[in-house]
């Protein structure tokens, strides 16, 4: 397993957190997702087959930005 931590711009509320959690959870191999709008941090626990790019793409598809 691995942990992916991303700094996401544009999360304003719990609704944003839930949208991100639901989208990222749909990736095969994702075990757990936490998103905090007050810090902008998204943490993903996933199997090794899940890449950071896969997670970023799901989040960006929702209209959020990733700070590298």
PDB file of N, CA and C in Angstrom:
ATOM      1  N   UNK A   1       0.845  -1.189   0.000  1.00  0.00           N
ATOM      2  CA  UNK A   1       0.000   0.000   0.000  1.00  0.00           C
ATOM      3  C   UNK A   1       0.884   1.244   0.000  1.00  0.00           C
ATOM      4  N   UNK A   2       0.264   2.333  -0.435  1.00  0.00           N
ATOM      5  CA  UNK A   2       0.988   3.598  -0.425  1.00  0.00           C
ATOM      6  C   UNK A   2       0.042   4.736  -0.094  1.00  0.00           C
ATOM      7  N   UNK A   3       0.636   5.859   0.304  1.00  0.00           N
ATOM      8  CA  UNK A   3      -0.132   7.054   0.629  1.00  0.00           C
ATOM      9  C   UNK A   3       0.203   8.132  -0.393  1.00  0.00           C
ATOM     10  N   UNK A   4      -0.836   8.752  -0.926  1.00  0.00           N
ATOM     11  CA  UNK A   4      -0.683   9.874  -1.855  1.00  0.00           C
ATOM     12  C   UNK A   4      -1.271  11.093  -1.173  1.00  0.00           C
ATOM     13  N   UNK A   5      -0.491  12.160  -1.064  1.00  0.00           N
ATOM     14  CA  UNK A   5      -0.956  13.399  -0.429  1.00  0.00           C
ATOM     15  C   UNK A   5      -0.890  14.516  -1.461  1.00  0.00           C
ATOM     16  N   UNK A   6      -2.030  15.179  -1.657  1.00  0.00           N
ATOM     17  CA  UNK A   6      -2.113  16.257  -2.645  1.00  0.00           C
ATOM     18  C   UNK A   6      -2.647  17.531  -2.000  1.00  0.00           C
ATOM     19  N   UNK A   7      -2.145  18.666  -2.479  1.00  0.00           N
ATOM     20  CA  UNK A   7      -2.646  19.971  -2.063  1.00  0.00           C
ATOM     21  C   UNK A   7      -3.621  20.432  -3.134  1.00  0.00           C
ATOM     22  N   UNK A   8      -4.915  20.465  -2.789  1.00  0.00           N
ATOM     23  CA  UNK A   8      -5.970  20.757  -3.760  1.00  0.00           C
ATOM     24  C   UNK A   8      -6.517  22.160  -3.531  1.00  0.00           C
ATOM     25  N   UNK A   9      -6.586  22.916  -4.606  1.00  0.00           N
ATOM     26  CA  UNK A   9      -7.108  24.275  -4.546  1.00  0.00           C
ATOM     27  C   UNK A   9      -8.568  24.292  -4.982  1.00  0.00           C
ATOM     28  N   UNK A  10      -9.398  25.029  -4.260  1.00  0.00           N
ATOM     29  CA  UNK A  10     -10.780  25.206  -4.671  1.00  0.00           C
ATOM     30  C   UNK A  10     -11.802  24.502  -3.791  1.00  0.00           C
ATOM     31  N   UNK A  11     -11.341  23.697  -2.817  1.00  0.00           N
ATOM     32  CA  UNK A  11     -12.301  23.069  -1.894  1.00  0.00           C
ATOM     33  C   UNK A  11     -12.795  24.132  -0.924  1.00  0.00           C
ATOM     34  N   UNK A  12     -14.117  24.346  -0.901  1.00  0.00           N
ATOM     35  CA  UNK A  12     -14.674  25.407  -0.067  1.00  0.00           C
ATOM     36  C   UNK A  12     -15.548  24.904   1.075  1.00  0.00           C
ATOM     37  N   UNK A  13     -15.988  23.639   0.989  1.00  0.00           N
ATOM     38  CA  UNK A  13     -16.953  23.163   1.980  1.00  0.00           C
ATOM     39  C   UNK A  13     -16.935  21.636   2.055  1.00  0.00           C
ATOM     40  N   UNK A  14     -17.777  21.109   2.928  1.00  0.00           N
ATOM     41  CA  UNK A  14     -17.883  19.656   3.059  1.00  0.00           C
ATOM     42  C   UNK A  14     -18.423  19.016   1.787  1.00  0.00           C
ATOM     43  N   UNK A  15     -19.244  19.736   1.052  1.00  0.00           N
ATOM     44  CA  UNK A  15     -19.751  19.223  -0.218  1.00  0.00           C
ATOM     45  C   UNK A  15     -18.616  18.967  -1.205  1.00  0.00           C
ATOM     46  N   UNK A  16     -17.643  19.886  -1.245  1.00  0.00           N
ATOM     47  CA  UNK A  16     -16.461  19.700  -2.104  1.00  0.00           C
ATOM     48  C   UNK A  16     -15.672  18.475  -1.647  1.00  0.00           C
ATOM     49  N   UNK A  17     -15.505  18.341  -0.340  1.00  0.00           N
ATOM     50  CA  UNK A  17     -14.789  17.189   0.216  1.00  0.00           C
ATOM     51  C   UNK A  17     -15.463  15.894  -0.227  1.00  0.00           C
ATOM     52  N   UNK A  18     -16.783  15.845  -0.120  1.00  0.00           N
ATOM     53  CA  UNK A  18     -17.527  14.635  -0.473  1.00  0.00           C
ATOM     54  C   UNK A  18     -17.441  14.318  -1.965  1.00  0.00           C
ATOM     55  N   UNK A  19     -17.484  15.336  -2.813  1.00  0.00           N
ATOM     56  CA  UNK A  19     -17.346  15.112  -4.253  1.00  0.00           C
ATOM     57  C   UNK A  19     -16.001  14.479  -4.574  1.00  0.00           C
ATOM     58  N   UNK A  20     -14.941  15.001  -3.950  1.00  0.00           N
ATOM     59  CA  UNK A  20     -13.599  14.459  -4.174  1.00  0.00           C
ATOM     60  C   UNK A  20     -13.498  13.042  -3.630  1.00  0.00           C
ATOM     61  N   UNK A  21     -13.992  12.821  -2.415  1.00  0.00           N
ATOM     62  CA  UNK A  21     -13.925  11.482  -1.815  1.00  0.00           C
ATOM     63  C   UNK A  21     -14.648  10.455  -2.685  1.00  0.00           C
ATOM     64  N   UNK A  22     -15.833  10.800  -3.154  1.00  0.00           N
ATOM     65  CA  UNK A  22     -16.609   9.870  -3.984  1.00  0.00           C
ATOM     66  C   UNK A  22     -15.907   9.569  -5.307  1.00  0.00           C
ATOM     67  N   UNK A  23     -15.365  10.596  -5.944  1.00  0.00           N
ATOM     68  CA  UNK A  23     -14.702  10.408  -7.243  1.00  0.00           C
ATOM     69  C   UNK A  23     -13.438   9.572  -7.096  1.00  0.00           C
ATOM     70  N   UNK A  24     -12.610   9.902  -6.113  1.00  0.00           N
ATOM     71  CA  UNK A  24     -11.343   9.182  -5.938  1.00  0.00           C
ATOM     72  C   UNK A  24     -11.599   7.754  -5.458  1.00  0.00           C
ATOM     73  N   UNK A  25     -12.618   7.568  -4.634  1.00  0.00           N
ATOM     74  CA  UNK A  25     -12.955   6.220  -4.157  1.00  0.00           C
ATOM     75  C   UNK A  25     -13.369   5.291  -5.282  1.00  0.00           C
ATOM     76  N   UNK A  26     -13.813   5.860  -6.399  1.00  0.00           N
ATOM     77  CA  UNK A  26     -14.254   5.030  -7.521  1.00  0.00           C
ATOM     78  C   UNK A  26     -13.085   4.416  -8.294  1.00  0.00           C
ATOM     79  N   UNK A  27     -11.865   4.854  -8.013  1.00  0.00           N
ATOM     80  CA  UNK A  27     -10.685   4.287  -8.670  1.00  0.00           C
ATOM     81  C   UNK A  27     -10.428   2.912  -8.067  1.00  0.00           C
ATOM     82  N   UNK A  28     -10.297   1.914  -8.934  1.00  0.00           N
ATOM     83  CA  UNK A  28     -10.029   0.553  -8.479  1.00  0.00           C
ATOM     84  C   UNK A  28      -8.671   0.502  -7.778  1.00  0.00           C
ATOM     85  N   UNK A  29      -8.665   0.043  -6.526  1.00  0.00           N
ATOM     86  CA  UNK A  29      -7.426  -0.044  -5.763  1.00  0.00           C
ATOM     87  C   UNK A  29      -7.324   0.996  -4.659  1.00  0.00           C
ATOM     88  N   UNK A  30      -8.219   1.989  -4.662  1.00  0.00           N
ATOM     89  CA  UNK A  30      -8.222   2.990  -3.592  1.00  0.00           C
ATOM     90  C   UNK A  30      -8.897   2.385  -2.361  1.00  0.00           C
ATOM     91  N   UNK A  31      -8.217   2.489  -1.221  1.00  0.00           N
ATOM     92  CA  UNK A  31      -8.714   1.905   0.016  1.00  0.00           C
ATOM     93  C   UNK A  31      -9.412   2.950   0.889  1.00  0.00           C
ATOM     94  N   UNK A  32      -8.818   4.147   0.989  1.00  0.00           N
ATOM     95  CA  UNK A  32      -9.392   5.192   1.832  1.00  0.00           C
ATOM     96  C   UNK A  32      -9.026   6.557   1.270  1.00  0.00           C
ATOM     97  N   UNK A  33      -9.934   7.525   1.442  1.00  0.00           N
ATOM     98  CA  UNK A  33      -9.705   8.901   0.988  1.00  0.00           C
ATOM     99  C   UNK A  33     -10.154   9.848   2.086  1.00  0.00           C
ATOM    100  N   UNK A  34      -9.322  10.831   2.397  1.00  0.00           N
ATOM    101  CA  UNK A  34      -9.766  11.901   3.282  1.00  0.00           C
ATOM    102  C   UNK A  34      -9.483  13.223   2.574  1.00  0.00           C
ATOM    103  N   UNK A  35     -10.400  14.170   2.738  1.00  0.00           N
ATOM    104  CA  UNK A  35     -10.266  15.493   2.125  1.00  0.00           C
ATOM    105  C   UNK A  35     -10.670  16.536   3.150  1.00  0.00           C
ATOM    106  N   UNK A  36      -9.847  17.543   3.325  1.00  0.00           N
ATOM    107  CA  UNK A  36     -10.118  18.610   4.292  1.00  0.00           C
ATOM    108  C   UNK A  36     -10.105  19.953   3.571  1.00  0.00           C
ATOM    109  N   UNK A  37     -11.282  20.591   3.495  1.00  0.00           N
ATOM    110  CA  UNK A  37     -11.349  21.862   2.763  1.00  0.00           C
ATOM    111  C   UNK A  37     -10.600  22.981   3.470  1.00  0.00           C
ATOM    112  N   UNK A  38     -10.503  22.926   4.798  1.00  0.00           N
ATOM    113  CA  UNK A  38      -9.826  24.004   5.529  1.00  0.00           C
ATOM    114  C   UNK A  38      -8.312  24.000   5.313  1.00  0.00           C
ATOM    115  N   UNK A  39      -7.736  22.836   5.023  1.00  0.00           N
ATOM    116  CA  UNK A  39      -6.293  22.755   4.764  1.00  0.00           C
ATOM    117  C   UNK A  39      -5.985  22.558   3.288  1.00  0.00           C
ATOM    118  N   UNK A  40      -6.980  22.091   2.512  1.00  0.00           N
ATOM    119  CA  UNK A  40      -6.773  21.813   1.103  1.00  0.00           C
ATOM    120  C   UNK A  40      -6.046  20.506   0.840  1.00  0.00           C
ATOM    121  N   UNK A  41      -5.954  19.665   1.863  1.00  0.00           N
ATOM    122  CA  UNK A  41      -5.193  18.420   1.740  1.00  0.00           C
ATOM    123  C   UNK A  41      -6.112  17.235   1.457  1.00  0.00           C
ATOM    124  N   UNK A  42      -5.723  16.450   0.459  1.00  0.00           N
ATOM    125  CA  UNK A  42      -6.394  15.188   0.151  1.00  0.00           C
ATOM    126  C   UNK A  42      -5.375  14.075   0.358  1.00  0.00           C
ATOM    127  N   UNK A  43      -5.735  13.102   1.195  1.00  0.00           N
ATOM    128  CA  UNK A  43      -4.866  11.951   1.450  1.00  0.00           C
ATOM    129  C   UNK A  43      -5.561  10.703   0.935  1.00  0.00           C
ATOM    130  N   UNK A  44      -4.806   9.905   0.202  1.00  0.00           N
ATOM    131  CA  UNK A  44      -5.344   8.689  -0.391  1.00  0.00           C
ATOM    132  C   UNK A  44      -4.479   7.509   0.042  1.00  0.00           C
ATOM    133  N   UNK A  45      -5.110   6.478   0.553  1.00  0.00           N
ATOM    134  CA  UNK A  45      -4.435   5.210   0.827  1.00  0.00           C
ATOM    135  C   UNK A  45      -4.869   4.262  -0.280  1.00  0.00           C
ATOM    136  N   UNK A  46      -3.890   3.704  -0.976  1.00  0.00           N
ATOM    137  CA  UNK A  46      -4.221   2.888  -2.143  1.00  0.00           C
ATOM    138  C   UNK A  46      -3.223   1.748  -2.330  1.00  0.00           C
ATOM    139  N   UNK A  47      -3.650   0.815  -3.156  1.00  0.00           N
ATOM    140  CA  UNK A  47      -2.745  -0.261  -3.552  1.00  0.00           C
ATOM    141  C   UNK A  47      -1.720   0.302  -4.529  1.00  0.00           C
ATOM    142  N   UNK A  48      -0.678  -0.452  -4.757  1.00  0.00           N
ATOM    143  CA  UNK A  48       0.433   0.013  -5.588  1.00  0.00           C
ATOM    144  C   UNK A  48       0.050   0.313  -7.037  1.00  0.00           C
ATOM    145  N   UNK A  49      -1.045  -0.289  -7.531  1.00  0.00           N
ATOM    146  CA  UNK A  49      -1.445  -0.055  -8.926  1.00  0.00           C
ATOM    147  C   UNK A  49      -2.027   1.344  -9.153  1.00  0.00           C
ATOM    148  N   UNK A  50      -2.387   2.052  -8.090  1.00  0.00           N
ATOM    149  CA  UNK A  50      -2.966   3.392  -8.214  1.00  0.00           C
ATOM    150  C   UNK A  50      -1.834   4.416  -8.268  1.00  0.00           C
ATOM    151  N   UNK A  51      -1.828   5.224  -9.329  1.00  0.00           N
ATOM    152  CA  UNK A  51      -0.779   6.237  -9.461  1.00  0.00           C
ATOM    153  C   UNK A  51      -1.285   7.608  -9.008  1.00  0.00           C
ATOM    154  N   UNK A  52      -0.349   8.475  -8.689  1.00  0.00           N
ATOM    155  CA  UNK A  52      -0.692   9.845  -8.321  1.00  0.00           C
ATOM    156  C   UNK A  52      -1.403  10.536  -9.479  1.00  0.00           C
ATOM    157  N   UNK A  53      -0.985  10.244 -10.697  1.00  0.00           N
ATOM    158  CA  UNK A  53      -1.617  10.842 -11.885  1.00  0.00           C
ATOM    159  C   UNK A  53      -3.088  10.449 -11.997  1.00  0.00           C
ATOM    160  N   UNK A  54      -3.415   9.200 -11.671  1.00  0.00           N
ATOM    161  CA  UNK A  54      -4.807   8.745 -11.714  1.00  0.00           C
ATOM    162  C   UNK A  54      -5.659   9.558 -10.744  1.00  0.00           C
ATOM    163  N   UNK A  55      -5.133   9.793  -9.548  1.00  0.00           N
ATOM    164  CA  UNK A  55      -5.866  10.538  -8.524  1.00  0.00           C
ATOM    165  C   UNK A  55      -6.007  12.000  -8.944  1.00  0.00           C
ATOM    166  N   UNK A  56      -4.915  12.587  -9.435  1.00  0.00           N
ATOM    167  CA  UNK A  56      -4.961  13.987  -9.883  1.00  0.00           C
ATOM    168  C   UNK A  56      -6.003  14.176 -10.977  1.00  0.00           C
ATOM    169  N   UNK A  57      -6.031  13.255 -11.929  1.00  0.00           N
ATOM    170  CA  UNK A  57      -6.972  13.361 -13.051  1.00  0.00           C
ATOM    171  C   UNK A  57      -8.421  13.359 -12.562  1.00  0.00           C
ATOM    172  N   UNK A  58      -8.742  12.485 -11.620  1.00  0.00           N
ATOM    173  CA  UNK A  58     -10.111  12.427 -11.068  1.00  0.00           C
ATOM    174  C   UNK A  58     -10.482  13.754 -10.417  1.00  0.00           C
ATOM    175  N   UNK A  59      -9.555  14.316  -9.644  1.00  0.00           N
ATOM    176  CA  UNK A  59      -9.824  15.569  -8.927  1.00  0.00           C
ATOM    177  C   UNK A  59      -9.944  16.732  -9.907  1.00  0.00           C
ATOM    178  N   UNK A  60      -9.044  16.780 -10.890  1.00  0.00           N
ATOM    179  CA  UNK A  60      -9.089  17.873 -11.868  1.00  0.00           C
ATOM    180  C   UNK A  60     -10.335  17.787 -12.742  1.00  0.00           C
ATOM    181  N   UNK A  61     -10.820  16.578 -13.001  1.00  0.00           N
ATOM    182  CA  UNK A  61     -12.058  16.405 -13.772  1.00  0.00           C
ATOM    183  C   UNK A  61     -13.253  17.044 -13.063  1.00  0.00           C
ATOM    184  N   UNK A  62     -13.164  17.189 -11.740  1.00  0.00           N
ATOM    185  CA  UNK A  62     -14.239  17.825 -10.965  1.00  0.00           C
ATOM    186  C   UNK A  62     -14.110  19.353 -10.981  1.00  0.00           C
ATOM    187  N   UNK A  63     -13.012  19.876 -11.528  1.00  0.00           N
ATOM    188  CA  UNK A  63     -12.830  21.323 -11.611  1.00  0.00           C
ATOM    189  C   UNK A  63     -11.902  21.905 -10.560  1.00  0.00           C
ATOM    190  N   UNK A  64     -11.252  21.053  -9.794  1.00  0.00           N
ATOM    191  CA  UNK A  64     -10.305  21.526  -8.778  1.00  0.00           C
ATOM    192  C   UNK A  64      -8.901  21.559  -9.362  1.00  0.00           C
ATOM    193  N   UNK A  65      -8.014  22.335  -8.752  1.00  0.00           N
ATOM    194  CA  UNK A  65      -6.625  22.416  -9.185  1.00  0.00           C
ATOM    195  C   UNK A  65      -5.725  21.738  -8.169  1.00  0.00           C
ATOM    196  N   UNK A  66      -4.620  21.190  -8.660  1.00  0.00           N
ATOM    197  CA  UNK A  66      -3.629  20.542  -7.793  1.00  0.00           C
ATOM    198  C   UNK A  66      -2.399  21.426  -7.743  1.00  0.00           C
ATOM    199  N   UNK A  67      -1.933  21.740  -6.538  1.00  0.00           N
ATOM    200  CA  UNK A  67      -0.678  22.475  -6.376  1.00  0.00           C
ATOM    201  C   UNK A  67       0.448  21.469  -6.181  1.00  0.00           C
ATOM    202  N   UNK A  68       1.425  21.499  -7.089  1.00  0.00           N
ATOM    203  CA  UNK A  68       2.549  20.575  -6.978  1.00  0.00           C
ATOM    204  C   UNK A  68       3.601  21.110  -6.034  1.00  0.00           C
TER     205      UNK A  68
END
